[in-house]
Amino acid sequence: MCGIAGIIGTDASQKCLDSMLQKQQHRGPDYMGSWKDSNTFLGHNRLSIIDLSANSNQPFESNCGNYVLVFNGEIYNYIELKKELSFYNFKTSSDSEVLLASYIKWGKDCLHKFNGMFSFAIWHKNDQTLFAARDRFGVKPFYYHHSQNTLYFASEIKAIHAAGIPRNPNETVWASYFTYGSYGMPNETFWNQIEQLPGGHYLEHKNNQLVISKWYFFKEEVKKHQQKIISFEEAKSIYKTLLLDSISIRFRADVSVGFNISGGLDSSTLLAFVNQLEKGKNIKAYTFYTDDERYDELPWVEEMIGLTKNPLNKVLLSPKDKLREKVEFIAQHQDEPCGGIPTVAYSQIFKQARKQNSLVLLDGQGMDEQWAGYDYYTQNNNNTIQGISKSPFRPNVLESTFLKKAVKPNYPNFFKDDVLNKQYRDLFYTKIPRALRFNDRVSMAYSTELREPFLDYRLVEFAFAQPIEYKIKNGVQKYLLRELVSEFLSDKITYAPKRPLQTPQREWLGEELLDDVENAVYKLKNSNIATWFNFSELDKEVDKYREGDKDSSFHIWQWLNTSILN
């Protein structure tokens, strides 16, 4: 897990590249390297995970000297791929060199060979061409700015701003965020002139011409599975085999690996299967809690850990312990609006893991989307937030001209079944893109690597393609998964309903953090974006919240988060 950066064009300079690398140094504190050739500058921040030797530092040049790689992420199946690359004389035991050799042999088709999370760029010296790509679901980030004569790219938005690109808000994306809760389309960001390469796409750049192409066609892969009719028991067996392999290859590292756990089914499944594969190794487990029994999942976590005996590291997030500073730190690291107090709580796990030298953590992201776990999958609505009874958005606080800039998201409906369309939306437009961005930034803020075994493309494609009755049966969601893990978990955990709230965000924003909320509103009134808001309406909403209207706290968080970023 690292940071990559590059500048190609007449405005490129070493000074500019150095500024970009310094701004994202937290992504890779072990080594900062750069490479240049005429008007091409490539840079890398390294967090050493596989092959810790200096031989694997980047930018990495091929044996022939014609290709230069900067790479962020992991190719989990690099050991298997290496056996197919006998033509190449490997100098390291890293997955980075396997990636480069794969590109030399297969060209852009190498992408279909990779099982991993990746964002990389390869400079072809002879052709003076840049090839860059992002993994199927966009686990690892790739941001870019393309001007009339120069391309800039980096792992974080702040690095591109450090290169001198103005930090001007994209008002359409911001207005849509306040009005509909949208975080933008897969290519958009909250800042003008900075875009992101969507997951499952690649980029080619030559003579300052930029071409972006799609390489991962999820629907077609799902259809291949749908053509094979299999029984429930067969599906369960196949999924278990894939799940075990997915977790197994994500333990490949030359540093300590741990995992995150909550009291829910997904992370409990991860715990059970980790201990099947890594028996007797006492893999460290991490969880957060807030000391509020209305929200904490600690009792369920401790029940599971009592069975497996993993060392459990409990991380407390308290409003009494510099919470405002933690909120501001994480919001600034995100560069764009993030998910709220749960994101801040989650970040403290990585802070603790880094202190204990657990540099790689696994978590349970992705099960709800592939097995239809959210409550709104069974409801006739277009919700993207679980556990709400009315809209969490307050467009009435926006000034009318700004409000008109909001664009209601229009997501594709490729499937005949509404549940499948919601799953697809959550995988590629809403839930997963948000969570992956939040998670990447909070892990990298503390120079740690997060791996998502449940987002192995083989698992997602297979689960998505299964009949609806394998996912939802007699009102029970994630049915096949629950049946699969019932042999390892108690009924109390296996059939526990999903809990939508994990922190007392509603209470804290109305009590312990209320002064911070009011200061945020004051800051907005005196900011460059004050014209976005009707502060008479906004003040009324804050008053209603203070007086007990706390069905949702998302709008309050939006304003606090926005005041930090603008």
Protein backbone atom coordinates (compact mmCIF):
# COMPACT_ATOMS: atom_id res chain seq x y z
CA MET A 1 0.00 0.00 0.00
CA CYS A 2 1.63 3.19 -1.14
CA GLY A 3 1.19 6.51 -2.87
CA ILE A 4 1.88 7.21 -6.54
CA ALA A 5 2.31 10.51 -8.37
CA GLY A 6 3.35 11.73 -11.79
CA ILE A 7 3.59 14.73 -14.07
CA ILE A 8 3.87 14.45 -17.85
CA GLY A 9 4.14 17.55 -20.01
CA THR A 10 5.79 20.93 -20.40
CA ASP A 11 4.90 22.08 -16.88
CA ALA A 12 6.57 19.07 -15.24
CA SER A 13 9.34 19.70 -12.71
CA GLN A 14 11.13 17.89 -9.92
CA LYS A 15 10.12 20.59 -7.44
CA CYS A 16 6.45 20.11 -8.27
CA LEU A 17 6.70 16.31 -7.99
CA ASP A 18 8.47 16.61 -4.63
CA SER A 19 5.62 18.79 -3.34
CA MET A 20 3.11 16.14 -4.38
CA LEU A 21 5.05 13.32 -2.73
CA GLN A 22 5.53 15.26 0.50
CA LYS A 23 1.79 15.93 0.72
CA GLN A 24 0.96 12.20 0.63
CA GLN A 25 4.00 10.89 2.50
CA HIS A 26 1.74 9.28 5.13
CA ARG A 27 0.80 6.73 2.46
CA GLY A 28 4.37 5.44 2.33
CA PRO A 29 6.82 6.54 5.04
CA ASP A 30 9.42 3.86 4.29
CA TYR A 31 10.85 5.33 1.09
CA MET A 32 10.19 8.25 -1.23
CA GLY A 33 11.54 7.83 -4.75
CA SER A 34 11.36 9.62 -8.08
CA TRP A 35 12.36 9.11 -11.70
CA LYS A 36 12.56 11.58 -14.56
CA ASP A 37 13.08 11.61 -18.30
CA SER A 38 12.68 14.84 -20.26
CA ASN A 39 9.14 16.08 -19.48
CA THR A 40 8.12 12.95 -17.56
CA PHE A 41 8.38 12.73 -13.76
CA LEU A 42 7.18 9.72 -11.72
CA GLY A 43 7.13 9.46 -7.93
CA HIS A 44 6.34 6.91 -5.24
CA ASN A 45 5.76 6.80 -1.47
CA ARG A 46 6.48 3.27 -0.25
CA LEU A 47 4.88 1.37 2.61
CA SER A 48 6.88 -1.87 2.66
CA ILE A 49 4.61 -4.93 2.84
CA ILE A 50 5.98 -7.57 0.42
CA ASP A 51 9.76 -7.93 -0.13
CA LEU A 52 10.96 -5.38 2.39
CA SER A 53 14.35 -4.93 0.70
CA ALA A 54 15.47 -1.77 -1.09
CA ASN A 55 15.46 -3.77 -4.33
CA SER A 56 11.68 -3.31 -4.46
CA ASN A 57 11.72 0.47 -4.05
CA GLN A 58 9.87 2.41 -6.73
CA PRO A 59 9.75 3.86 -9.34
CA PHE A 60 10.71 0.41 -10.64
CA GLU A 61 12.46 -0.09 -13.98
CA SER A 62 12.16 -3.24 -16.09
CA ASN A 63 15.21 -5.34 -16.95
CA CYS A 64 15.16 -3.99 -20.49
CA GLY A 65 15.03 -0.43 -19.21
CA ASN A 66 12.07 0.43 -21.43
CA TYR A 67 9.32 0.44 -18.77
CA VAL A 68 9.00 2.32 -15.47
CA LEU A 69 6.32 1.43 -12.90
CA VAL A 70 4.72 3.22 -9.96
CA PHE A 71 2.22 1.01 -8.15
CA ASN A 72 -0.13 1.30 -5.19
CA GLY A 73 -1.83 -1.83 -3.85
CA GLU A 74 -1.30 -5.59 -3.90
CA ILE A 75 -1.53 -8.32 -6.53
CA TYR A 76 -2.58 -11.17 -4.26
CA ASN A 77 -2.08 -13.92 -6.85
CA TYR A 78 1.44 -12.78 -7.77
CA ILE A 79 2.96 -16.14 -6.77
CA GLU A 80 0.75 -18.00 -9.24
CA LEU A 81 1.32 -15.42 -11.99
CA LYS A 82 5.07 -15.58 -11.54
CA LYS A 83 4.99 -19.21 -12.73
CA GLU A 84 3.58 -18.02 -16.07
CA LEU A 85 6.36 -15.46 -16.55
CA SER A 86 9.41 -17.68 -16.99
CA PHE A 87 10.73 -15.38 -19.75
CA TYR A 88 11.47 -12.67 -17.16
CA ASN A 89 14.59 -12.64 -14.97
CA PHE A 90 13.18 -11.55 -11.62
CA LYS A 91 15.43 -9.57 -9.30
CA THR A 92 12.98 -9.29 -6.39
CA SER A 93 10.30 -11.35 -4.66
CA SER A 94 7.78 -8.49 -4.92
CA ASP A 95 4.37 -8.40 -6.53
CA SER A 96 5.37 -5.10 -8.16
CA GLU A 97 7.87 -6.79 -10.44
CA VAL A 98 5.29 -9.47 -11.28
CA LEU A 99 2.86 -6.72 -12.29
CA LEU A 100 5.45 -5.11 -14.56
CA ALA A 101 6.46 -8.42 -16.15
CA SER A 102 2.77 -9.24 -16.70
CA TYR A 103 2.28 -5.97 -18.57
CA ILE A 104 5.36 -6.64 -20.72
CA LYS A 105 3.99 -10.09 -21.66
CA TRP A 106 0.25 -9.47 -21.99
CA GLY A 107 -0.11 -5.72 -22.41
CA LYS A 108 -3.40 -4.28 -21.14
CA ASP A 109 -4.86 -7.81 -21.02
CA CYS A 110 -2.75 -8.36 -17.89
CA LEU A 111 -5.53 -6.60 -15.96
CA HIS A 112 -7.79 -9.63 -16.32
CA LYS A 113 -5.05 -11.80 -14.80
CA PHE A 114 -4.80 -9.81 -11.58
CA ASN A 115 -6.62 -10.64 -8.36
CA GLY A 116 -5.90 -7.65 -6.21
CA MET A 117 -6.39 -4.04 -5.34
CA PHE A 118 -4.32 -1.78 -7.54
CA SER A 119 -3.74 1.61 -8.99
CA PHE A 120 -0.64 1.89 -11.13
CA ALA A 121 1.02 3.76 -13.97
CA ILE A 122 3.62 2.43 -16.44
CA TRP A 123 5.72 4.72 -18.60
CA HIS A 124 6.81 3.24 -21.94
CA LYS A 125 10.04 5.07 -22.84
CA ASN A 126 10.27 4.11 -26.50
CA ASP A 127 6.64 4.95 -27.26
CA GLN A 128 6.52 7.92 -24.85
CA THR A 129 3.20 6.55 -23.62
CA LEU A 130 1.65 6.29 -20.16
CA PHE A 131 -0.63 3.37 -19.31
CA ALA A 132 -2.51 3.57 -15.99
CA ALA A 133 -5.23 1.37 -14.52
CA ARG A 134 -7.42 0.90 -11.49
CA ASP A 135 -8.76 -2.35 -9.99
CA ARG A 136 -12.24 -3.68 -10.67
CA PHE A 137 -14.07 -2.03 -7.76
CA GLY A 138 -11.75 0.94 -7.27
CA VAL A 139 -10.25 -0.12 -3.95
CA LYS A 140 -7.12 1.94 -4.63
CA PRO A 141 -7.47 5.57 -5.80
CA PHE A 142 -6.25 7.36 -8.92
CA TYR A 143 -6.87 11.11 -9.29
CA TYR A 144 -5.76 13.26 -12.18
CA HIS A 145 -5.79 16.74 -13.70
CA HIS A 146 -5.34 17.14 -17.44
CA SER A 147 -4.57 20.61 -18.75
CA GLN A 148 -3.76 21.85 -22.22
CA ASN A 149 -0.16 20.68 -22.01
CA THR A 150 0.31 18.57 -18.85
CA LEU A 151 -1.12 15.55 -17.06
CA TYR A 152 -0.87 15.31 -13.26
CA PHE A 153 -1.89 12.18 -11.34
CA ALA A 154 -1.70 11.08 -7.71
CA SER A 155 -3.20 8.83 -5.05
CA GLU A 156 -4.77 11.74 -3.20
CA ILE A 157 -6.44 14.99 -4.22
CA LYS A 158 -4.32 17.03 -1.84
CA ALA A 159 -1.20 16.00 -3.78
CA ILE A 160 -2.62 17.47 -7.01
CA HIS A 161 -3.54 20.67 -5.22
CA ALA A 162 0.06 20.75 -3.93
CA ALA A 163 1.16 20.78 -7.58
CA GLY A 164 -0.54 24.16 -7.94
CA ILE A 165 -3.95 23.17 -9.30
CA PRO A 166 -6.45 25.64 -7.73
CA ARG A 167 -8.68 24.28 -4.95
CA ASN A 168 -12.06 25.38 -6.26
CA PRO A 169 -15.25 23.53 -5.29
CA ASN A 170 -17.25 21.66 -7.92
CA GLU A 171 -20.57 23.26 -7.03
CA THR A 172 -22.69 20.70 -8.89
CA VAL A 173 -21.23 17.83 -6.86
CA TRP A 174 -21.53 19.76 -3.59
CA ALA A 175 -25.14 20.76 -4.29
CA SER A 176 -26.03 17.17 -5.17
CA TYR A 177 -24.36 15.98 -1.95
CA PHE A 178 -26.49 18.28 0.21
CA THR A 179 -29.69 17.59 -1.71
CA TYR A 180 -29.50 13.86 -2.47
CA GLY A 181 -26.56 12.56 -0.43
CA SER A 182 -24.66 11.80 -3.65
CA TYR A 183 -20.86 11.74 -3.53
CA GLY A 184 -20.61 12.19 -7.29
CA MET A 185 -20.39 9.84 -10.24
CA PRO A 186 -17.45 7.41 -10.51
CA ASN A 187 -15.31 9.90 -12.46
CA GLU A 188 -16.15 12.99 -10.38
CA THR A 189 -14.67 14.65 -7.31
CA PHE A 190 -15.81 17.56 -5.14
CA TRP A 191 -13.15 19.80 -6.73
CA ASN A 192 -13.06 21.47 -10.13
CA GLN A 193 -10.48 20.24 -12.65
CA ILE A 194 -9.72 17.08 -10.68
CA GLU A 195 -11.25 13.80 -11.80
CA GLN A 196 -10.81 10.20 -10.77
CA LEU A 197 -10.25 7.20 -12.97
CA PRO A 198 -13.29 4.98 -12.32
CA GLY A 199 -12.75 1.51 -10.97
CA GLY A 200 -12.40 -1.09 -13.73
CA HIS A 201 -11.02 1.46 -16.21
CA TYR A 202 -7.61 2.21 -17.71
CA LEU A 203 -6.05 5.39 -19.04
CA GLU A 204 -3.70 5.91 -21.97
CA HIS A 205 -1.78 9.15 -22.50
CA LYS A 206 0.38 10.05 -25.50
CA ASN A 207 1.26 13.43 -27.04
CA ASN A 208 -0.96 14.98 -24.36
CA GLN A 209 -3.98 13.09 -25.67
CA LEU A 210 -5.92 11.25 -22.99
CA VAL A 211 -8.08 8.18 -23.68
CA ILE A 212 -10.03 6.38 -20.94
CA SER A 213 -11.43 2.90 -21.55
CA LYS A 214 -13.40 0.37 -19.54
CA TRP A 215 -11.76 -3.02 -19.01
CA TYR A 216 -13.97 -4.72 -16.39
CA PHE A 217 -17.45 -5.73 -17.57
CA PHE A 218 -19.24 -6.94 -14.46
CA LYS A 219 -22.59 -7.67 -16.12
CA GLU A 220 -20.99 -10.02 -18.62
CA GLU A 221 -19.14 -11.89 -15.87
CA VAL A 222 -22.36 -12.26 -13.88
CA LYS A 223 -24.18 -13.66 -16.93
CA LYS A 224 -21.60 -16.46 -17.19
CA HIS A 225 -22.57 -17.58 -13.67
CA GLN A 226 -26.30 -17.15 -14.28
CA GLN A 227 -26.11 -19.57 -17.19
CA LYS A 228 -25.12 -22.34 -14.79
CA ILE A 229 -28.06 -23.47 -12.66
CA ILE A 230 -26.81 -24.96 -9.40
CA SER A 231 -28.49 -26.08 -6.20
CA PHE A 232 -28.39 -24.18 -2.94
CA GLU A 233 -25.96 -26.70 -1.44
CA GLU A 234 -23.69 -26.50 -4.48
CA ALA A 235 -23.71 -22.71 -4.27
CA LYS A 236 -22.84 -22.86 -0.59
CA SER A 237 -19.93 -25.22 -1.25
CA ILE A 238 -18.53 -23.17 -4.14
CA TYR A 239 -18.80 -19.94 -2.19
CA LYS A 240 -17.04 -21.45 0.83
CA THR A 241 -14.13 -22.60 -1.35
CA LEU A 242 -13.80 -19.16 -2.92
CA LEU A 243 -14.06 -17.45 0.47
CA LEU A 244 -11.32 -19.55 2.02
CA ASP A 245 -9.01 -18.89 -0.91
CA SER A 246 -9.75 -15.17 -0.90
CA ILE A 247 -8.84 -14.86 2.78
CA SER A 248 -5.80 -17.12 2.39
CA ILE A 249 -4.12 -15.10 -0.38
CA ARG A 250 -4.75 -11.88 1.54
CA PHE A 251 -2.51 -13.16 4.32
CA ARG A 252 0.46 -12.95 1.95
CA ALA A 253 2.73 -10.34 3.51
CA ASP A 254 6.18 -9.95 5.02
CA VAL A 255 4.76 -7.98 7.97
CA SER A 256 2.24 -8.72 10.71
CA VAL A 257 -1.40 -9.18 9.58
CA GLY A 258 -4.44 -8.61 11.81
CA PHE A 259 -8.14 -8.00 11.23
CA ASN A 260 -11.01 -5.74 12.25
CA ILE A 261 -14.13 -7.09 13.86
CA SER A 262 -17.53 -5.74 14.86
CA GLY A 263 -20.38 -7.71 16.35
CA GLY A 264 -22.09 -8.27 13.02
CA LEU A 265 -22.38 -11.34 10.83
CA ASP A 266 -19.82 -10.22 8.24
CA SER A 267 -16.83 -9.59 10.47
CA SER A 268 -17.76 -12.60 12.60
CA THR A 269 -17.64 -14.66 9.40
CA LEU A 270 -14.19 -13.24 8.74
CA LEU A 271 -13.10 -14.16 12.26
CA ALA A 272 -14.37 -17.73 11.91
CA PHE A 273 -12.68 -18.34 8.56
CA VAL A 274 -9.44 -16.62 9.54
CA ASN A 275 -9.16 -19.02 12.44
CA GLN A 276 -9.89 -21.99 10.20
CA LEU A 277 -6.97 -20.99 7.99
CA GLU A 278 -4.55 -19.64 10.58
CA LYS A 279 -5.08 -22.07 13.46
CA GLY A 280 -2.97 -21.45 16.52
CA LYS A 281 -1.37 -18.28 15.22
CA ASN A 282 -3.23 -15.88 17.55
CA ILE A 283 -3.94 -13.29 14.86
CA LYS A 284 -4.67 -9.92 16.51
CA ALA A 285 -8.24 -8.65 16.31
CA TYR A 286 -9.23 -4.98 16.57
CA THR A 287 -12.55 -3.36 17.38
CA PHE A 288 -13.77 0.07 18.44
CA TYR A 289 -16.35 1.00 21.05
CA THR A 290 -17.77 4.23 22.50
CA ASP A 291 -18.80 3.04 25.97
CA ASP A 292 -22.47 3.51 25.09
CA GLU A 293 -24.44 0.27 25.40
CA ARG A 294 -27.14 1.57 23.03
CA TYR A 295 -24.69 1.35 20.13
CA ASP A 296 -21.63 -0.66 21.08
CA GLU A 297 -21.21 -4.12 19.60
CA LEU A 298 -18.59 -5.11 22.14
CA PRO A 299 -20.71 -7.85 23.83
CA TRP A 300 -21.09 -9.69 20.50
CA VAL A 301 -17.40 -9.20 19.71
CA GLU A 302 -16.31 -10.58 23.07
CA GLU A 303 -18.65 -13.56 22.68
CA MET A 304 -16.98 -14.45 19.36
CA ILE A 305 -13.46 -13.84 20.63
CA GLY A 306 -14.28 -16.04 23.61
CA LEU A 307 -14.61 -18.94 21.16
CA THR A 308 -11.51 -18.28 19.07
CA LYS A 309 -9.20 -16.81 21.76
CA ASN A 310 -7.71 -14.21 19.41
CA PRO A 311 -5.91 -11.33 21.17
CA LEU A 312 -8.54 -8.56 21.17
CA ASN A 313 -7.52 -4.91 21.05
CA LYS A 314 -10.41 -2.68 22.10
CA VAL A 315 -10.11 0.94 20.98
CA LEU A 316 -12.25 3.52 22.76
CA LEU A 317 -13.57 6.65 21.03
CA SER A 318 -14.75 9.13 23.64
CA PRO A 319 -16.11 12.66 23.26
CA LYS A 320 -13.87 13.57 26.20
CA ASP A 321 -10.66 12.63 24.41
CA LYS A 322 -9.93 15.37 21.85
CA LEU A 323 -12.77 14.23 19.62
CA ARG A 324 -12.92 17.54 17.75
CA GLU A 325 -9.22 17.20 16.81
CA LYS A 326 -9.83 13.64 15.60
CA VAL A 327 -12.81 14.74 13.49
CA GLU A 328 -10.78 17.53 11.89
CA PHE A 329 -7.76 15.29 11.26
CA ILE A 330 -9.80 12.63 9.46
CA ALA A 331 -11.92 15.14 7.52
CA GLN A 332 -8.78 16.80 6.19
CA HIS A 333 -7.21 13.47 5.25
CA GLN A 334 -10.33 12.54 3.29
CA ASP A 335 -10.11 15.64 1.01
CA GLU A 336 -13.85 15.18 0.39
CA PRO A 337 -16.87 14.70 2.68
CA CYS A 338 -16.73 11.47 4.68
CA GLY A 339 -19.20 9.29 6.53
CA GLY A 340 -19.39 10.73 10.02
CA ILE A 341 -18.36 9.73 13.54
CA PRO A 342 -18.22 5.99 12.59
CA THR A 343 -15.44 6.84 10.12
CA VAL A 344 -13.56 8.66 12.87
CA ALA A 345 -14.07 5.73 15.25
CA TYR A 346 -12.85 3.30 12.61
CA SER A 347 -9.72 5.38 12.06
CA GLN A 348 -8.64 4.85 15.67
CA ILE A 349 -8.27 1.12 14.97
CA PHE A 350 -5.54 1.85 12.43
CA LYS A 351 -3.83 4.26 14.78
CA GLN A 352 -3.66 1.53 17.41
CA ALA A 353 -2.61 -1.13 14.89
CA ARG A 354 0.28 1.03 13.72
CA LYS A 355 1.46 1.46 17.32
CA GLN A 356 1.47 -2.33 17.68
CA ASN A 357 3.23 -2.84 14.34
CA SER A 358 0.22 -4.57 12.76
CA LEU A 359 0.74 -3.02 9.34
CA VAL A 360 -1.92 -5.01 7.46
CA LEU A 361 -5.54 -5.38 8.57
CA LEU A 362 -8.43 -7.26 6.97
CA ASP A 363 -12.07 -6.22 7.31
CA GLY A 364 -15.52 -7.42 6.26
CA GLN A 365 -16.57 -4.81 3.70
CA GLY A 366 -18.72 -6.03 0.80
CA MET A 367 -21.01 -8.78 2.09
CA ASP A 368 -24.18 -6.68 2.31
CA GLU A 369 -23.89 -5.61 -1.31
CA GLN A 370 -23.33 -9.10 -2.73
CA TRP A 371 -25.86 -10.93 -0.50
CA ALA A 372 -28.54 -8.16 -0.26
CA GLY A 373 -28.09 -7.36 3.42
CA TYR A 374 -29.46 -3.82 3.75
CA ASP A 375 -33.07 -3.31 4.86
CA TYR A 376 -33.96 -1.24 1.79
CA TYR A 377 -33.34 -4.24 -0.48
CA THR A 378 -36.70 -5.55 0.73
CA GLN A 379 -38.49 -2.19 0.48
CA ASN A 380 -40.01 -0.33 -2.43
CA ASN A 381 -37.85 2.78 -2.24
CA ASN A 382 -34.60 4.25 -3.53
CA ASN A 383 -32.88 4.64 -0.18
CA THR A 384 -29.12 4.31 0.10
CA ILE A 385 -29.02 4.72 3.89
CA GLN A 386 -30.25 2.01 6.24
CA GLY A 387 -32.38 2.54 9.34
CA ILE A 388 -34.07 5.87 8.55
CA SER A 389 -37.75 6.80 8.71
CA LYS A 390 -37.55 10.13 6.85
CA SER A 391 -35.15 11.95 4.57
CA PRO A 392 -31.73 12.67 6.13
CA PHE A 393 -31.20 15.60 3.73
CA ARG A 394 -32.15 19.27 4.21
CA PRO A 395 -32.19 20.99 0.79
CA ASN A 396 -34.32 23.77 2.32
CA VAL A 397 -31.16 25.28 3.83
CA LEU A 398 -29.63 25.88 0.39
CA GLU A 399 -29.87 29.20 -1.43
CA SER A 400 -32.14 28.81 -4.46
CA THR A 401 -29.51 29.48 -7.16
CA PHE A 402 -27.12 26.97 -5.62
CA LEU A 403 -29.92 24.41 -5.12
CA LYS A 404 -30.67 24.49 -8.85
CA LYS A 405 -27.18 23.14 -9.52
CA ALA A 406 -28.03 19.87 -7.78
CA VAL A 407 -28.44 16.90 -10.11
CA LYS A 408 -30.44 13.91 -8.94
CA PRO A 409 -28.31 10.80 -9.46
CA ASN A 410 -29.56 8.51 -12.20
CA TYR A 411 -28.25 5.00 -11.76
CA PRO A 412 -28.50 2.32 -14.46
CA ASN A 413 -31.09 -0.44 -14.27
CA PHE A 414 -29.49 -3.28 -16.17
CA PHE A 415 -31.44 -6.09 -14.52
CA LYS A 416 -35.07 -7.18 -14.48
CA ASP A 417 -35.03 -7.62 -10.70
CA ASP A 418 -35.13 -4.47 -8.56
CA VAL A 419 -32.93 -6.06 -5.87
CA LEU A 420 -30.17 -6.71 -8.42
CA ASN A 421 -30.35 -3.12 -9.62
CA LYS A 422 -29.97 -1.88 -6.05
CA GLN A 423 -27.05 -4.23 -5.50
CA TYR A 424 -25.39 -3.00 -8.69
CA ARG A 425 -25.96 0.62 -7.68
CA ASP A 426 -24.42 0.02 -4.26
CA LEU A 427 -21.42 -1.84 -5.70
CA PHE A 428 -20.45 0.70 -8.36
CA TYR A 429 -22.08 4.05 -7.46
CA THR A 430 -22.96 4.46 -3.80
CA LYS A 431 -22.09 2.22 -0.85
CA ILE A 432 -18.87 0.55 -1.97
CA PRO A 433 -17.20 3.56 -3.65
CA ARG A 434 -17.86 5.67 -0.55
CA ALA A 435 -16.71 3.03 1.91
CA LEU A 436 -13.57 2.25 -0.08
CA ARG A 437 -12.58 5.90 -0.22
CA PHE A 438 -13.28 6.43 3.48
CA ASN A 439 -11.37 3.27 4.38
CA ASP A 440 -8.39 3.96 2.16
CA ARG A 441 -7.86 7.40 3.69
CA VAL A 442 -8.28 6.37 7.33
CA SER A 443 -5.90 3.41 6.96
CA MET A 444 -3.31 5.41 5.03
CA ALA A 445 -3.56 8.32 7.45
CA TYR A 446 -1.77 6.02 9.89
CA SER A 447 0.45 4.30 7.29
CA THR A 448 -1.32 0.95 7.45
CA GLU A 449 -2.74 -1.30 4.74
CA LEU A 450 -6.36 -2.42 4.62
CA ARG A 451 -7.38 -5.51 2.66
CA GLU A 452 -10.96 -6.44 1.71
CA PRO A 453 -11.25 -10.25 1.25
CA PHE A 454 -15.02 -10.15 0.68
CA LEU A 455 -14.50 -7.87 -2.33
CA ASP A 456 -12.54 -10.51 -4.20
CA TYR A 457 -14.13 -10.24 -7.65
CA ARG A 458 -14.73 -14.00 -7.78
CA LEU A 459 -16.88 -13.82 -4.64
CA VAL A 460 -18.83 -10.76 -5.73
CA GLU A 461 -19.61 -12.07 -9.22
CA PHE A 462 -20.67 -15.47 -7.94
CA ALA A 463 -22.85 -14.19 -5.09
CA PHE A 464 -24.47 -11.47 -7.20
CA ALA A 465 -25.50 -14.06 -9.81
CA GLN A 466 -27.30 -16.36 -7.37
CA PRO A 467 -31.12 -16.52 -7.29
CA ILE A 468 -32.86 -13.99 -5.06
CA GLU A 469 -34.20 -16.79 -2.84
CA TYR A 470 -30.59 -17.71 -1.96
CA LYS A 471 -30.13 -14.14 -0.72
CA ILE A 472 -33.49 -13.40 0.90
CA LYS A 473 -35.72 -16.19 2.22
CA ASN A 474 -38.75 -15.80 4.47
CA GLY A 475 -37.62 -12.27 5.28
CA VAL A 476 -34.12 -13.40 6.28
CA GLN A 477 -31.44 -11.50 4.34
CA LYS A 478 -27.98 -12.83 3.44
CA TYR A 479 -29.62 -16.24 3.78
CA LEU A 480 -26.97 -18.42 2.11
CA LEU A 481 -24.18 -16.74 4.05
CA ARG A 482 -26.00 -17.29 7.36
CA GLU A 483 -26.53 -20.95 6.52
CA LEU A 484 -22.87 -21.30 5.53
CA VAL A 485 -21.47 -19.91 8.79
CA SER A 486 -24.06 -21.46 11.11
CA GLU A 487 -21.70 -24.37 11.75
CA PHE A 488 -19.13 -21.96 13.21
CA LEU A 489 -21.28 -19.26 14.86
CA SER A 490 -24.03 -19.30 17.46
CA ASP A 491 -27.61 -18.59 16.36
CA LYS A 492 -27.40 -15.36 18.37
CA ILE A 493 -24.80 -14.06 15.91
CA THR A 494 -25.79 -15.96 12.77
CA TYR A 495 -29.36 -14.67 12.76
CA ALA A 496 -28.92 -11.34 14.52
CA PRO A 497 -30.52 -8.44 12.58
CA LYS A 498 -28.19 -5.87 11.04
CA ARG A 499 -27.64 -2.89 13.32
CA PRO A 500 -27.52 0.35 11.30
CA LEU A 501 -25.90 2.52 14.00
CA GLN A 502 -22.58 1.89 15.71
CA THR A 503 -21.82 5.22 17.41
CA PRO A 504 -23.85 7.81 19.32
CA GLN A 505 -23.32 10.36 16.55
CA ARG A 506 -26.84 11.74 16.96
CA GLU A 507 -26.32 12.38 20.66
CA TRP A 508 -22.77 13.70 20.43
CA LEU A 509 -23.58 16.21 17.68
CA GLY A 510 -26.43 17.54 19.81
CA GLU A 511 -24.53 17.57 23.09
CA GLU A 512 -20.76 17.12 23.45
CA LEU A 513 -20.02 18.42 19.93
CA LEU A 514 -22.81 21.00 19.82
CA ASP A 515 -20.39 23.90 20.30
CA ASP A 516 -18.37 22.59 17.38
CA VAL A 517 -21.51 22.40 15.25
CA GLU A 518 -22.40 26.00 16.10
CA ASN A 519 -18.82 27.12 15.41
CA ALA A 520 -19.00 25.32 12.07
CA VAL A 521 -22.17 27.23 11.15
CA TYR A 522 -20.48 30.48 12.16
CA LYS A 523 -17.48 29.59 9.98
CA LEU A 524 -19.76 28.82 7.02
CA LYS A 525 -21.44 32.22 7.41
CA ASN A 526 -18.05 33.88 7.04
CA SER A 527 -16.62 31.62 4.34
CA ASN A 528 -16.21 31.83 0.57
CA ILE A 529 -19.14 29.44 0.21
CA ALA A 530 -21.59 31.42 2.35
CA THR A 531 -23.66 32.14 -0.76
CA TRP A 532 -24.58 28.45 -0.93
CA PHE A 533 -26.80 28.64 2.15
CA ASN A 534 -30.01 30.19 3.41
CA PHE A 535 -28.79 30.65 6.97
CA SER A 536 -32.21 31.54 8.33
CA GLU A 537 -33.36 28.02 7.41
CA LEU A 538 -30.10 26.44 8.47
CA ASP A 539 -30.29 28.03 11.93
CA LYS A 540 -33.85 26.72 12.31
CA GLU A 541 -32.67 23.19 11.53
CA VAL A 542 -29.88 23.43 14.10
CA ASP A 543 -32.41 24.71 16.67
CA LYS A 544 -34.76 21.78 15.92
CA TYR A 545 -31.88 19.35 16.31
CA ARG A 546 -30.81 20.91 19.59
CA GLU A 547 -34.39 20.61 20.84
CA GLY A 548 -34.60 16.87 20.09
CA ASP A 549 -35.39 16.31 16.38
CA LYS A 550 -32.68 13.66 15.99
CA ASP A 551 -34.23 11.08 13.66
CA SER A 552 -31.21 11.74 11.47
CA SER A 553 -27.93 13.50 12.16
CA PHE A 554 -26.51 13.28 8.64
CA HIS A 555 -27.40 16.87 7.72
CA ILE A 556 -25.69 18.16 10.86
CA TRP A 557 -22.59 16.15 10.02
CA GLN A 558 -22.65 17.52 6.45
CA TRP A 559 -22.37 21.08 7.67
CA LEU A 560 -19.64 20.30 10.20
CA ASN A 561 -17.66 18.33 7.61
CA THR A 562 -18.11 21.06 4.96
CA SER A 563 -16.83 23.80 7.28
CA ILE A 564 -13.59 21.86 7.76
CA LEU A 565 -13.01 21.27 4.05
CA ASN A 566 -13.81 24.77 2.77
